[in-house]
């Protein structure tokens, strides 16, 4: 840790080693060098004067980047790509004259970005699947446990703990579908020239357009891409960045929704996130068990949702074939978006893997509200015994309001006793108590969970959750 200068908390506290390495200087600039090698190989294969020994010289110096040399040269020429070409040429002197032949800077910068973003999305996909798999286990375990449902955060009809988890899970599956679409739709830029016209290669290949197309196919294939953008300016279309950050924002939205629900439920002591033996909840209040991880998910998710706004603003202001005002923004917003999504999903894995359900508190809460939940069923039973539906409805309304007022005074609920005291209602308190079985009031919750889990089981069947402990 560098203690004498600022370091992004995403790097020092939250993101995984994989994501930190993926967006490291070594990974980025070694990818540039691999792109220059791929270009040289394609040009040699298609008849340009590039020798096998020059390519071998380039291949021997992919990792030994002299960053001091790069910094000094960039200070002189004010151009990062030219500084790296200079340093690479010094490391591989026999190939210095053919590095970057026919290319423009965006050949290495943009293609490298697409490679890193694709690999980052693949990693996030695996992390997202682990969250879905954890929730599937949780939903299956508690598919039939009745719990109080809420609308407007006010008590409503009963649901089950597992059914609620399926609401979270469905959001994440939607994110997975969107992520897969984005992954499948990332083309390569290729080597297209300063304004995307390939004019420099028309000159190099004497107007042979088939060789130009083959060169781009060869380079794209080298990095695992099966196609290039149909048309482009100097850069790849920045709509791609907008699409990528949008799916990261979608993941953040789903994580926030789940974590916020958990925070509310933990307030009611119904469900709690993991709390370690020696964990401290408060520096002043030693008894506290704060939902720290869920709060951190929400905090980081807000940042990522805001960060995602950078891409559409950049995509909308490109100025014909390109402008450089996207560069500084993208250097920050794109990697930070990936690091943040990575951190959020790692936290979500940790939380969903260790959720604790306080079944007795849930049951107590359910039974406290059961008389109100059951009023429609009680009314239907009273109608079957000859009561007038409209009269019964008014009795329930009046008695419910009276019982609620009593509860607000700190007294216990006496709704059933009040209803039993109404001669027109026609049911004793004992008869009504026998109708208050919570499992009779959860509708199709258990079946809905089972059907949904059967549907998504193929998605999570191959998930590997044997990870080292995530210390967050």
Protein backbone atom coordinates (compact mmCIF):
# COMPACT_ATOMS: atom_id res chain seq x y z
CA UNK A 1 0.00 0.00 0.00
CA UNK A 2 1.24 3.48 -0.90
CA UNK A 3 0.69 5.59 2.19
CA UNK A 4 2.18 8.82 0.87
CA UNK A 5 -0.18 9.34 -2.08
CA UNK A 6 -3.80 8.79 -3.02
CA UNK A 7 -4.86 5.31 -4.03
CA UNK A 8 -8.35 4.40 -5.23
CA UNK A 9 -10.28 2.47 -2.55
CA UNK A 10 -11.49 0.21 -5.35
CA UNK A 11 -7.88 -0.89 -5.71
CA UNK A 12 -6.82 -0.92 -2.07
CA UNK A 13 -10.01 -2.25 -0.43
CA UNK A 14 -12.66 -3.70 -2.66
CA UNK A 15 -11.77 -5.22 -6.06
CA UNK A 16 -10.40 -8.73 -6.65
CA UNK A 17 -6.84 -9.56 -7.61
CA UNK A 18 -8.09 -10.80 -10.98
CA UNK A 19 -9.73 -7.50 -11.87
CA UNK A 20 -6.83 -5.45 -10.54
CA UNK A 21 -4.43 -7.43 -12.73
CA UNK A 22 -6.73 -7.23 -15.76
CA UNK A 23 -6.67 -3.43 -15.70
CA UNK A 24 -3.05 -3.11 -14.63
CA UNK A 25 -0.42 -1.28 -16.66
CA UNK A 26 1.36 -4.55 -17.38
CA UNK A 27 -1.75 -6.19 -18.82
CA UNK A 28 -2.69 -3.15 -20.92
CA UNK A 29 0.73 -2.48 -22.41
CA UNK A 30 1.64 -6.12 -22.89
CA UNK A 31 -1.64 -6.40 -24.81
CA UNK A 32 -0.49 -3.47 -26.96
CA UNK A 33 2.71 -5.35 -27.73
CA UNK A 34 0.76 -8.51 -28.59
CA UNK A 35 -1.38 -6.45 -30.94
CA UNK A 36 1.73 -5.11 -32.68
CA UNK A 37 3.01 -8.68 -33.02
CA UNK A 38 -0.33 -9.83 -34.47
CA UNK A 39 -0.23 -6.96 -36.98
CA UNK A 40 3.33 -7.81 -38.00
CA UNK A 41 2.47 -11.50 -38.42
CA UNK A 42 -0.55 -10.72 -40.59
CA UNK A 43 1.44 -8.26 -42.71
CA UNK A 44 4.21 -10.81 -43.21
CA UNK A 45 1.72 -13.55 -44.13
CA UNK A 46 0.15 -11.22 -46.69
CA UNK A 47 3.42 -10.31 -48.38
CA UNK A 48 4.67 -7.13 -46.73
CA UNK A 49 8.41 -6.82 -45.97
CA UNK A 50 8.34 -8.07 -42.38
CA UNK A 51 10.82 -10.81 -41.52
CA UNK A 52 10.43 -13.82 -39.23
CA UNK A 53 13.41 -12.63 -37.18
CA UNK A 54 11.79 -9.26 -36.61
CA UNK A 55 8.63 -10.96 -35.33
CA UNK A 56 10.74 -13.22 -33.11
CA UNK A 57 12.48 -10.15 -31.70
CA UNK A 58 9.10 -8.60 -30.89
CA UNK A 59 7.85 -11.82 -29.28
CA UNK A 60 10.93 -12.01 -27.06
CA UNK A 61 10.17 -8.63 -25.51
CA UNK A 62 6.48 -8.63 -24.66
CA UNK A 63 6.87 -8.39 -20.89
CA UNK A 64 10.07 -6.38 -20.34
CA UNK A 65 8.53 -2.91 -20.54
CA UNK A 66 10.89 -0.13 -19.52
CA UNK A 67 8.41 2.21 -17.85
CA UNK A 68 11.08 4.78 -17.02
CA UNK A 69 11.93 4.99 -20.72
CA UNK A 70 8.22 5.31 -21.58
CA UNK A 71 7.67 8.09 -19.04
CA UNK A 72 10.68 10.05 -20.23
CA UNK A 73 9.71 9.72 -23.89
CA UNK A 74 6.07 10.64 -23.27
CA UNK A 75 7.22 13.72 -21.40
CA UNK A 76 9.12 14.73 -24.53
CA UNK A 77 6.58 13.87 -27.24
CA UNK A 78 3.29 14.15 -25.26
CA UNK A 79 1.97 10.96 -26.85
CA UNK A 80 1.62 7.71 -24.90
CA UNK A 81 1.43 5.32 -27.87
CA UNK A 82 4.49 6.83 -29.55
CA UNK A 83 6.36 6.60 -26.25
CA UNK A 84 5.57 2.87 -26.03
CA UNK A 85 6.56 2.31 -29.67
CA UNK A 86 9.87 4.00 -28.91
CA UNK A 87 10.49 1.84 -25.81
CA UNK A 88 9.47 -1.34 -27.66
CA UNK A 89 11.81 -0.44 -30.52
CA UNK A 90 14.70 -0.02 -28.11
CA UNK A 91 13.95 -3.44 -26.57
CA UNK A 92 13.59 -5.10 -30.01
CA UNK A 93 15.85 -2.99 -32.23
CA UNK A 94 15.70 -5.21 -35.32
CA UNK A 95 11.93 -4.71 -35.46
CA UNK A 96 11.86 -1.02 -34.58
CA UNK A 97 11.17 0.00 -38.16
CA UNK A 98 8.10 -2.19 -38.68
CA UNK A 99 6.30 -1.73 -35.34
CA UNK A 100 2.88 -0.14 -35.91
CA UNK A 101 3.26 -0.31 -39.73
CA UNK A 102 0.16 1.24 -41.33
CA UNK A 103 -1.62 1.60 -38.00
CA UNK A 104 -2.92 4.51 -35.97
CA UNK A 105 -2.85 4.78 -32.19
CA UNK A 106 -6.37 3.47 -31.76
CA UNK A 107 -5.29 0.17 -33.28
CA UNK A 108 -3.62 -0.68 -29.98
CA UNK A 109 -5.61 1.46 -27.53
CA UNK A 110 -9.11 0.53 -28.71
CA UNK A 111 -8.49 -3.11 -29.57
CA UNK A 112 -6.77 -3.61 -26.21
CA UNK A 113 -9.75 -2.02 -24.47
CA UNK A 114 -12.15 -4.36 -26.23
CA UNK A 115 -10.04 -7.35 -25.19
CA UNK A 116 -9.91 -6.21 -21.56
CA UNK A 117 -13.62 -5.37 -21.43
CA UNK A 118 -14.56 -8.73 -22.93
CA UNK A 119 -12.39 -10.60 -20.43
CA UNK A 120 -13.73 -8.44 -17.60
CA UNK A 121 -17.31 -9.25 -18.58
CA UNK A 122 -16.48 -12.94 -18.69
CA UNK A 123 -15.11 -12.74 -15.15
CA UNK A 124 -18.14 -10.80 -13.91
CA UNK A 125 -20.38 -13.41 -15.52
CA UNK A 126 -18.83 -16.14 -13.38
CA UNK A 127 -19.19 -13.96 -10.26
CA UNK A 128 -22.83 -13.21 -11.09
CA UNK A 129 -23.57 -16.92 -11.54
CA UNK A 130 -22.26 -17.62 -8.04
CA UNK A 131 -24.68 -15.10 -6.57
CA UNK A 132 -27.55 -16.70 -8.50
CA UNK A 133 -26.50 -20.17 -7.33
CA UNK A 134 -26.35 -19.02 -3.69
CA UNK A 135 -29.82 -17.53 -3.94
CA UNK A 136 -31.13 -20.68 -5.58
CA UNK A 137 -29.92 -22.74 -2.62
CA UNK A 138 -31.45 -20.25 -0.21
CA UNK A 139 -34.78 -20.11 -2.06
CA UNK A 140 -35.01 -23.88 -2.16
CA UNK A 141 -34.32 -24.15 1.55
CA UNK A 142 -37.00 -21.64 2.53
CA UNK A 143 -39.50 -22.09 -0.28
CA UNK A 144 -42.34 -22.95 2.12
CA UNK A 145 -41.51 -20.75 5.13
CA UNK A 146 -44.33 -18.20 5.48
CA UNK A 147 -43.30 -14.62 6.09
CA UNK A 148 -45.07 -11.31 6.14
CA UNK A 149 -45.25 -9.70 2.71
CA UNK A 150 -45.10 -5.94 2.28
CA UNK A 151 -46.45 -3.46 -0.21
CA UNK A 152 -45.43 0.18 0.29
CA UNK A 153 -43.42 -1.32 3.18
CA UNK A 154 -46.73 -1.87 4.93
CA UNK A 155 -47.90 -5.34 6.01
CA UNK A 156 -49.70 -7.12 3.17
CA UNK A 157 -50.49 -10.78 2.40
CA UNK A 158 -48.12 -13.58 3.32
CA UNK A 159 -45.37 -14.75 0.99
CA UNK A 160 -42.49 -17.14 1.72
CA UNK A 161 -38.85 -16.37 2.41
CA UNK A 162 -37.88 -18.44 -0.64
CA UNK A 163 -40.36 -16.66 -2.91
CA UNK A 164 -38.89 -13.30 -1.94
CA UNK A 165 -35.39 -14.58 -2.74
CA UNK A 166 -36.69 -15.54 -6.19
CA UNK A 167 -37.59 -11.90 -6.81
CA UNK A 168 -33.95 -10.99 -6.21
CA UNK A 169 -32.75 -13.93 -8.25
CA UNK A 170 -34.93 -13.08 -11.23
CA UNK A 171 -33.30 -9.63 -11.40
CA UNK A 172 -29.87 -11.25 -11.48
CA UNK A 173 -30.91 -13.72 -14.18
CA UNK A 174 -32.12 -10.76 -16.24
CA UNK A 175 -28.69 -9.18 -15.76
CA UNK A 176 -27.07 -12.43 -16.90
CA UNK A 177 -29.15 -12.44 -20.08
CA UNK A 178 -28.19 -8.82 -20.78
CA UNK A 179 -24.52 -9.53 -20.06
CA UNK A 180 -24.54 -12.51 -22.43
CA UNK A 181 -26.07 -10.36 -25.14
CA UNK A 182 -23.38 -7.71 -24.69
CA UNK A 183 -20.60 -10.31 -24.67
CA UNK A 184 -21.91 -11.88 -27.87
CA UNK A 185 -22.17 -8.49 -29.58
CA UNK A 186 -18.63 -7.14 -29.01
CA UNK A 187 -16.84 -6.89 -32.36
CA UNK A 188 -13.14 -6.14 -32.84
CA UNK A 189 -11.97 -2.80 -34.23
CA UNK A 190 -9.18 -4.26 -36.33
CA UNK A 191 -6.62 -2.05 -38.07
CA UNK A 192 -8.67 0.57 -39.91
CA UNK A 193 -6.50 3.67 -40.18
CA UNK A 194 -6.81 7.24 -39.01
CA UNK A 195 -10.41 7.82 -40.09
CA UNK A 196 -11.52 4.23 -40.52
CA UNK A 197 -11.03 4.20 -44.30
CA UNK A 198 -8.07 1.76 -44.34
CA UNK A 199 -6.36 4.17 -46.75
CA UNK A 200 -2.86 3.35 -45.44
CA UNK A 201 -3.40 -0.33 -46.18
CA UNK A 202 -4.75 0.42 -49.63
CA UNK A 203 -1.28 1.90 -50.19
CA UNK A 204 0.65 -0.93 -48.50
CA UNK A 205 -1.28 -3.70 -50.28
CA UNK A 206 -1.46 -1.93 -53.64
CA UNK A 207 -5.23 -1.64 -53.53
CA UNK A 208 -5.83 -5.35 -52.76
CA UNK A 209 -8.91 -5.08 -50.55
CA UNK A 210 -9.10 -8.84 -50.00
CA UNK A 211 -5.73 -8.72 -48.28
CA UNK A 212 -6.94 -5.89 -46.05
CA UNK A 213 -10.00 -7.89 -45.05
CA UNK A 214 -7.88 -10.99 -44.47
CA UNK A 215 -5.44 -9.01 -42.32
CA UNK A 216 -8.28 -7.85 -40.09
CA UNK A 217 -9.74 -11.35 -39.88
CA UNK A 218 -6.36 -12.75 -38.90
CA UNK A 219 -5.77 -10.17 -36.16
CA UNK A 220 -9.29 -10.46 -34.78
CA UNK A 221 -9.04 -14.25 -34.69
CA UNK A 222 -5.72 -14.06 -32.84
CA UNK A 223 -7.58 -12.46 -29.93
CA UNK A 224 -10.71 -14.58 -30.05
CA UNK A 225 -13.02 -12.28 -32.02
CA UNK A 226 -14.97 -13.57 -35.00
CA UNK A 227 -15.85 -10.22 -36.58
CA UNK A 228 -14.97 -6.54 -36.76
CA UNK A 229 -17.21 -3.49 -36.73
CA UNK A 230 -18.71 -3.03 -40.18
CA UNK A 231 -17.74 0.63 -40.28
CA UNK A 232 -15.92 2.89 -37.87
CA UNK A 233 -14.10 6.19 -37.55
CA UNK A 234 -10.70 6.29 -35.96
CA UNK A 235 -12.11 4.59 -32.85
CA UNK A 236 -14.62 1.85 -32.34
CA UNK A 237 -18.13 3.29 -31.80
CA UNK A 238 -18.44 4.56 -28.23
CA UNK A 239 -21.96 3.19 -28.10
CA UNK A 240 -20.17 -0.04 -27.17
CA UNK A 241 -18.89 1.53 -23.96
CA UNK A 242 -22.39 2.75 -23.17
CA UNK A 243 -23.76 -0.76 -23.65
CA UNK A 244 -21.05 -2.25 -21.41
CA UNK A 245 -21.43 0.22 -18.56
CA UNK A 246 -25.20 -0.12 -18.80
CA UNK A 247 -25.06 -3.83 -18.01
CA UNK A 248 -22.70 -3.11 -15.11
CA UNK A 249 -25.21 -0.56 -13.86
CA UNK A 250 -27.98 -3.14 -14.20
CA UNK A 251 -26.03 -5.52 -11.97
CA UNK A 252 -25.56 -2.71 -9.46
CA UNK A 253 -29.31 -2.02 -9.49
CA UNK A 254 -30.11 -5.65 -8.73
CA UNK A 255 -27.52 -5.86 -5.97
CA UNK A 256 -28.81 -2.63 -4.43
CA UNK A 257 -32.40 -3.86 -4.47
CA UNK A 258 -31.46 -7.13 -2.73
CA UNK A 259 -29.10 -5.52 -0.21
CA UNK A 260 -31.61 -2.83 0.67
CA UNK A 261 -34.28 -5.45 1.33
CA UNK A 262 -31.84 -7.33 3.56
CA UNK A 263 -31.09 -4.13 5.48
CA UNK A 264 -34.82 -3.58 6.10
CA UNK A 265 -35.34 -7.20 7.14
CA UNK A 266 -32.32 -7.08 9.44
CA UNK A 267 -33.85 -4.06 11.13
CA UNK A 268 -36.83 -6.29 11.93
CA UNK A 269 -34.43 -9.12 12.93
CA UNK A 270 -36.07 -11.46 10.44
CA UNK A 271 -33.01 -12.04 8.23
CA UNK A 272 -29.39 -11.12 8.95
CA UNK A 273 -26.30 -10.94 6.79
CA UNK A 274 -23.20 -12.86 7.97
CA UNK A 275 -21.66 -11.56 11.18
CA UNK A 276 -18.28 -12.91 12.18
CA UNK A 277 -17.33 -13.96 15.72
CA UNK A 278 -14.95 -11.05 16.33
CA UNK A 279 -16.68 -8.49 14.13
CA UNK A 280 -17.32 -5.07 15.70
CA UNK A 281 -20.57 -3.35 14.82
CA UNK A 282 -19.90 0.04 16.39
CA UNK A 283 -16.99 1.78 18.09
CA UNK A 284 -19.38 3.16 20.72
CA UNK A 285 -22.28 0.69 20.84
CA UNK A 286 -20.69 -2.72 21.42
CA UNK A 287 -24.01 -4.57 21.13
CA UNK A 288 -24.67 -3.54 17.53
CA UNK A 289 -24.83 -5.88 14.52
CA UNK A 290 -24.92 -3.52 11.56
CA UNK A 291 -25.63 -4.89 8.05
CA UNK A 292 -22.21 -3.60 6.99
CA UNK A 293 -21.80 -5.68 3.83
CA UNK A 294 -25.28 -4.86 2.53
CA UNK A 295 -24.70 -1.19 3.26
CA UNK A 296 -21.40 -1.34 1.36
CA UNK A 297 -23.15 -2.99 -1.60
CA UNK A 298 -25.65 -0.13 -1.70
CA UNK A 299 -22.92 2.47 -1.36
CA UNK A 300 -20.80 1.06 -4.18
CA UNK A 301 -23.87 0.44 -6.34
CA UNK A 302 -24.77 4.12 -6.19
CA UNK A 303 -21.28 4.96 -7.41
CA UNK A 304 -21.50 2.49 -10.29
CA UNK A 305 -24.94 3.66 -11.41
CA UNK A 306 -23.61 7.21 -11.51
CA UNK A 307 -20.38 6.13 -13.23
CA UNK A 308 -22.40 4.52 -16.01
CA UNK A 309 -23.63 7.96 -17.05
CA UNK A 310 -20.17 8.78 -18.38
CA UNK A 311 -20.48 6.45 -21.37
CA UNK A 312 -23.67 7.88 -22.92
CA UNK A 313 -22.32 11.41 -22.53
CA UNK A 314 -19.14 10.35 -24.31
CA UNK A 315 -20.98 8.40 -27.02
CA UNK A 316 -23.18 11.40 -27.82
CA UNK A 317 -20.29 13.86 -28.33
CA UNK A 318 -17.93 12.11 -30.75
CA UNK A 319 -17.52 14.86 -33.40
CA UNK A 320 -17.46 13.06 -36.74
CA UNK A 321 -14.60 10.53 -36.97
CA UNK A 322 -13.28 11.11 -33.42
CA UNK A 323 -12.42 13.57 -30.68
CA UNK A 324 -9.96 13.19 -27.86
CA UNK A 325 -12.19 14.45 -25.08
CA UNK A 326 -13.31 10.88 -24.48
CA UNK A 327 -9.83 9.63 -23.62
CA UNK A 328 -9.28 10.95 -20.11
CA UNK A 329 -12.86 10.11 -19.14
CA UNK A 330 -12.65 6.53 -20.41
CA UNK A 331 -9.32 5.90 -18.67
CA UNK A 332 -11.18 6.41 -15.38
CA UNK A 333 -14.83 5.50 -15.91
CA UNK A 334 -14.41 2.19 -17.72
CA UNK A 335 -11.85 0.43 -15.47
CA UNK A 336 -13.44 1.87 -12.32
CA UNK A 337 -16.81 0.58 -13.49
CA UNK A 338 -15.42 -2.94 -13.82
CA UNK A 339 -13.59 -2.78 -10.49
CA UNK A 340 -16.74 -1.53 -8.78
CA UNK A 341 -18.99 -4.21 -10.31
CA UNK A 342 -16.44 -6.81 -9.27
CA UNK A 343 -16.43 -5.53 -5.69
CA UNK A 344 -20.23 -5.45 -5.51
CA UNK A 345 -20.60 -9.01 -6.78
CA UNK A 346 -17.94 -10.31 -4.38
CA UNK A 347 -19.86 -8.73 -1.52
CA UNK A 348 -23.13 -10.15 -2.85
CA UNK A 349 -21.58 -13.62 -2.93
CA UNK A 350 -20.48 -13.27 0.66
CA UNK A 351 -23.88 -12.08 1.83
CA UNK A 352 -25.96 -14.63 -0.06
CA UNK A 353 -23.72 -17.47 1.04
CA UNK A 354 -24.27 -16.73 4.73
CA UNK A 355 -27.75 -15.27 5.15
CA UNK A 356 -29.21 -16.19 8.54
CA UNK A 357 -32.96 -16.62 8.89
CA UNK A 358 -34.50 -16.08 12.34
CA UNK A 359 -37.47 -18.39 11.91
CA UNK A 360 -38.96 -17.81 15.36
CA UNK A 361 -39.03 -14.04 14.89
CA UNK A 362 -40.56 -14.47 11.44
CA UNK A 363 -43.23 -16.76 12.89
CA UNK A 364 -43.97 -14.30 15.72
CA UNK A 365 -44.35 -11.48 13.21
CA UNK A 366 -46.59 -13.60 11.01
CA UNK A 367 -48.85 -14.63 13.90
CA UNK A 368 -49.10 -11.03 15.07
CA UNK A 369 -50.64 -10.06 11.74
CA UNK A 370 -52.42 -13.33 10.95
CA UNK A 371 -55.83 -12.16 12.21
CA UNK A 372 -55.70 -9.32 9.69
CA UNK A 373 -54.30 -11.58 6.92
CA UNK A 374 -57.14 -14.06 7.50
CA UNK A 375 -60.04 -11.64 7.47
CA UNK A 376 -61.07 -12.45 3.89
CA UNK A 377 -61.07 -16.19 4.65
CA UNK A 378 -62.96 -15.57 7.88
CA UNK A 379 -65.54 -13.56 5.99
CA UNK A 380 -65.99 -16.32 3.41
CA UNK A 381 -66.49 -18.90 6.17
CA UNK A 382 -69.04 -16.65 7.84
CA UNK A 383 -70.88 -16.29 4.50
CA UNK A 384 -70.95 -20.10 4.15
CA UNK A 385 -72.68 -20.18 7.53
CA UNK A 386 -75.39 -17.88 6.28
CA UNK A 387 -73.98 -14.40 6.93
CA UNK A 388 -74.49 -11.35 4.72
CA UNK A 389 -71.25 -10.52 2.89
CA UNK A 390 -71.70 -6.74 2.98
CA UNK A 391 -72.65 -6.70 6.65
CA UNK A 392 -69.69 -8.96 7.49
CA UNK A 393 -67.32 -6.71 5.55
CA UNK A 394 -68.43 -3.70 7.61
CA UNK A 395 -67.99 -5.64 10.86
CA UNK A 396 -64.43 -6.61 9.87
CA UNK A 397 -63.61 -3.06 8.83
CA UNK A 398 -64.85 -1.57 12.09
CA UNK A 399 -63.28 -4.21 14.34
CA UNK A 400 -59.97 -4.03 12.45
CA UNK A 401 -59.74 -0.29 12.97
CA UNK A 402 -60.49 -0.71 16.68
CA UNK A 403 -57.92 -3.49 17.07
CA UNK A 404 -55.31 -1.46 15.19
CA UNK A 405 -55.89 1.52 17.47
CA UNK A 406 -55.39 -0.79 20.47
CA UNK A 407 -52.08 -2.08 19.00
CA UNK A 408 -50.89 1.49 18.55
CA UNK A 409 -51.42 1.98 22.28
CA UNK A 410 -48.97 -0.86 22.91
CA UNK A 411 -51.61 -3.51 23.63
CA UNK A 412 -51.94 -6.94 22.03
CA UNK A 413 -54.15 -7.56 19.01
CA UNK A 414 -57.70 -8.51 20.02
CA UNK A 415 -59.30 -8.61 16.58
CA UNK A 416 -60.56 -12.18 16.88
CA UNK A 417 -62.14 -11.50 20.26
CA UNK A 418 -63.89 -8.45 18.83
CA UNK A 419 -65.19 -10.41 15.83
CA UNK A 420 -66.36 -13.25 18.10
CA UNK A 421 -68.27 -10.68 20.14
CA UNK A 422 -70.29 -9.69 17.06
CA UNK A 423 -73.37 -11.93 17.01
CA UNK A 424 -73.86 -11.36 13.27
CA UNK A 425 -70.38 -12.72 12.52
CA UNK A 426 -71.39 -16.21 13.61
CA UNK A 427 -67.89 -17.60 14.50
CA UNK A 428 -66.33 -18.28 17.88
CA UNK A 429 -62.78 -17.18 18.67
CA UNK A 430 -61.65 -20.83 18.81
CA UNK A 431 -63.18 -21.53 15.39
CA UNK A 432 -61.38 -18.53 13.98
CA UNK A 433 -58.07 -19.53 15.59
CA UNK A 434 -58.33 -22.87 13.78
CA UNK A 435 -58.37 -20.99 10.48
CA UNK A 436 -55.09 -19.16 11.17
CA UNK A 437 -52.62 -21.68 9.76
CA UNK A 438 -49.99 -19.54 7.94
CA UNK A 439 -49.23 -22.15 5.27
CA UNK A 440 -52.84 -21.84 4.09
CA UNK A 441 -52.25 -18.19 3.19
CA UNK A 442 -49.12 -18.32 0.98
CA UNK A 443 -50.94 -19.05 -2.28
CA UNK A 444 -48.68 -20.79 -4.82
CA UNK A 445 -45.41 -19.53 -3.33
CA UNK A 446 -43.84 -22.95 -2.84
CA UNK A 447 -44.86 -24.12 -6.31
CA UNK A 448 -43.66 -20.87 -7.90
CA UNK A 449 -40.25 -21.31 -6.27
CA UNK A 450 -39.98 -24.92 -7.43
CA UNK A 451 -40.98 -24.07 -11.00
CA UNK A 452 -38.52 -21.18 -11.16
CA UNK A 453 -35.66 -23.19 -9.71
CA UNK A 454 -36.30 -25.95 -12.27
CA UNK A 455 -36.14 -23.32 -14.99
CA UNK A 456 -32.81 -21.83 -13.94
CA UNK A 457 -31.12 -25.05 -12.78
CA UNK A 458 -29.35 -25.52 -16.14
CA UNK A 459 -27.86 -22.03 -15.77
CA UNK A 460 -26.21 -22.77 -12.43
CA UNK A 461 -25.48 -26.49 -12.82
CA UNK A 462 -21.80 -25.91 -13.60
CA UNK A 463 -21.11 -23.09 -11.13
CA UNK A 464 -17.91 -23.60 -9.16
CA UNK A 465 -18.31 -22.08 -5.69
CA UNK A 466 -15.23 -23.63 -4.13
CA UNK A 467 -13.53 -20.29 -3.59
CA UNK A 468 -11.12 -19.13 -0.96
CA UNK A 469 -12.71 -17.04 1.77
CA UNK A 470 -13.64 -13.57 0.64
CA UNK A 471 -12.49 -11.09 3.27
CA UNK A 472 -14.68 -8.06 2.82
